[in-house]
Each structure stands twice: as C-alpha cells, then as structure tokens.
C-alpha cells in the first residue's frame, strides 16, 4: 500500500514540522542534563577531597593548647 504523491508530501511536511518542534526540546534537555551531571560530579569531587584531607589539618586532642586566662591583678601595664 503506497501513498499517493500528494499525501506523501504532506506526510514528509508534517514529519519535518514535528522534528523541528522536538529538536530544540531535545537539545535543551541534553544541555541541562550535561551541566547537571558536571555540577554534581564537581561537588562530589570537592567533598571527597575535603573529607580525605580535612582530618590531617585538624588538631588532635593531645595537641590542644591550654586556654590563656588574664589574672585580675595583671590586666593592665603600668609603670607603678
């Protein structure tokens, strides 16, 4: 069953209209998904680096310095 030439041309015309409507949608979705995957990957990489290197820079409990406290009689410097 073949289509007559006029109906075939209409079918082709409708097909190209549908493609021209869906192509920007497909392109936009591709860009959004690609950027989203890139952002999530970068975020995961930064979190991974911080978790891997963050513990080395923290003070250990044995190395904690004592708090400095001002003695009430020595709260100012005078020449007396």
Protein backbone atom coordinates (compact mmCIF):
# COMPACT_ATOMS: atom_id res chain seq x y z
CA UNK A 1 0.00 0.00 0.00
CA UNK A 2 1.70 3.14 -1.24
CA UNK A 3 0.65 6.68 -0.55
CA UNK A 4 -0.22 8.98 -3.41
CA UNK A 5 2.37 11.64 -4.12
CA UNK A 6 0.38 14.48 -2.56
CA UNK A 7 -0.23 12.57 0.69
CA UNK A 8 3.43 11.52 0.81
CA UNK A 9 4.49 15.17 0.55
CA UNK A 10 2.07 16.11 3.35
CA UNK A 11 3.48 13.26 5.49
CA UNK A 12 7.02 14.50 4.91
CA UNK A 13 6.00 18.09 5.67
CA UNK A 14 4.27 17.09 8.93
CA UNK A 15 7.27 14.96 9.88
CA UNK A 16 9.69 17.84 9.38
CA UNK A 17 7.43 20.14 11.45
CA UNK A 18 7.37 17.59 14.30
CA UNK A 19 11.14 17.20 14.13
CA UNK A 20 11.64 20.97 14.10
CA UNK A 21 9.46 21.24 17.23
CA UNK A 22 11.19 18.44 19.14
CA UNK A 23 14.79 19.29 18.19
CA UNK A 24 15.10 22.40 20.46
CA UNK A 25 13.50 20.45 23.32
CA UNK A 26 15.93 17.58 22.92
CA UNK A 27 18.88 19.97 22.66
CA UNK A 28 17.78 21.92 25.75
CA UNK A 29 17.30 18.74 27.79
CA UNK A 30 20.71 17.46 26.69
CA UNK A 31 22.41 20.68 27.80
CA UNK A 32 20.57 20.76 31.15
CA UNK A 33 21.40 17.13 31.91
CA UNK A 34 25.05 17.57 30.90
CA UNK A 35 25.51 20.67 33.05
CA UNK A 36 23.72 18.99 35.96
CA UNK A 37 25.95 15.92 35.78
CA UNK A 38 29.03 18.16 35.65
CA UNK A 39 27.93 20.15 38.70
CA UNK A 40 27.15 17.02 40.72
CA UNK A 41 30.49 15.47 39.73
CA UNK A 42 32.43 18.59 40.71
CA UNK A 43 30.55 18.82 44.02
CA UNK A 44 31.32 15.16 44.78
CA UNK A 45 34.99 15.67 43.92
CA UNK A 46 35.31 18.68 46.23
CA UNK A 47 33.55 16.87 49.09
CA UNK A 48 35.80 13.86 48.55
CA UNK A 49 38.95 15.99 48.66
CA UNK A 50 37.76 17.78 51.80
CA UNK A 51 36.95 14.50 53.53
CA UNK A 52 40.29 12.97 52.53
CA UNK A 53 42.48 15.93 53.51
CA UNK A 54 40.38 17.61 56.20
CA UNK A 55 41.32 15.27 59.04
CA UNK A 56 45.05 15.89 58.64
CA UNK A 57 44.68 19.62 59.27
CA UNK A 58 42.60 19.31 62.45
CA UNK A 59 44.26 19.44 65.86
CA UNK A 60 44.42 16.21 67.77
CA UNK A 61 43.12 16.26 71.37
CA UNK A 62 46.64 15.71 72.78
CA UNK A 63 47.94 18.80 70.97
CA UNK A 64 45.27 21.20 72.18
CA UNK A 65 46.84 24.27 73.80
CA UNK A 66 45.68 25.43 77.22
CA UNK A 67 43.44 28.48 77.28
CA UNK A 68 45.07 31.76 78.16
CA UNK A 69 43.47 33.49 81.14
CA UNK A 70 44.07 37.03 82.36
CA UNK A 71 44.92 37.32 86.03
CA UNK A 72 42.83 40.15 87.60
CA UNK A 73 45.88 41.88 89.10
CA UNK A 74 47.72 41.89 85.76
CA UNK A 75 45.07 43.24 83.44
CA UNK A 76 46.93 46.47 82.64
CA UNK A 77 50.51 47.53 82.15
CA UNK A 78 51.50 50.40 84.36
CA UNK A 79 54.84 51.74 85.47
CA UNK A 80 53.96 51.80 89.16
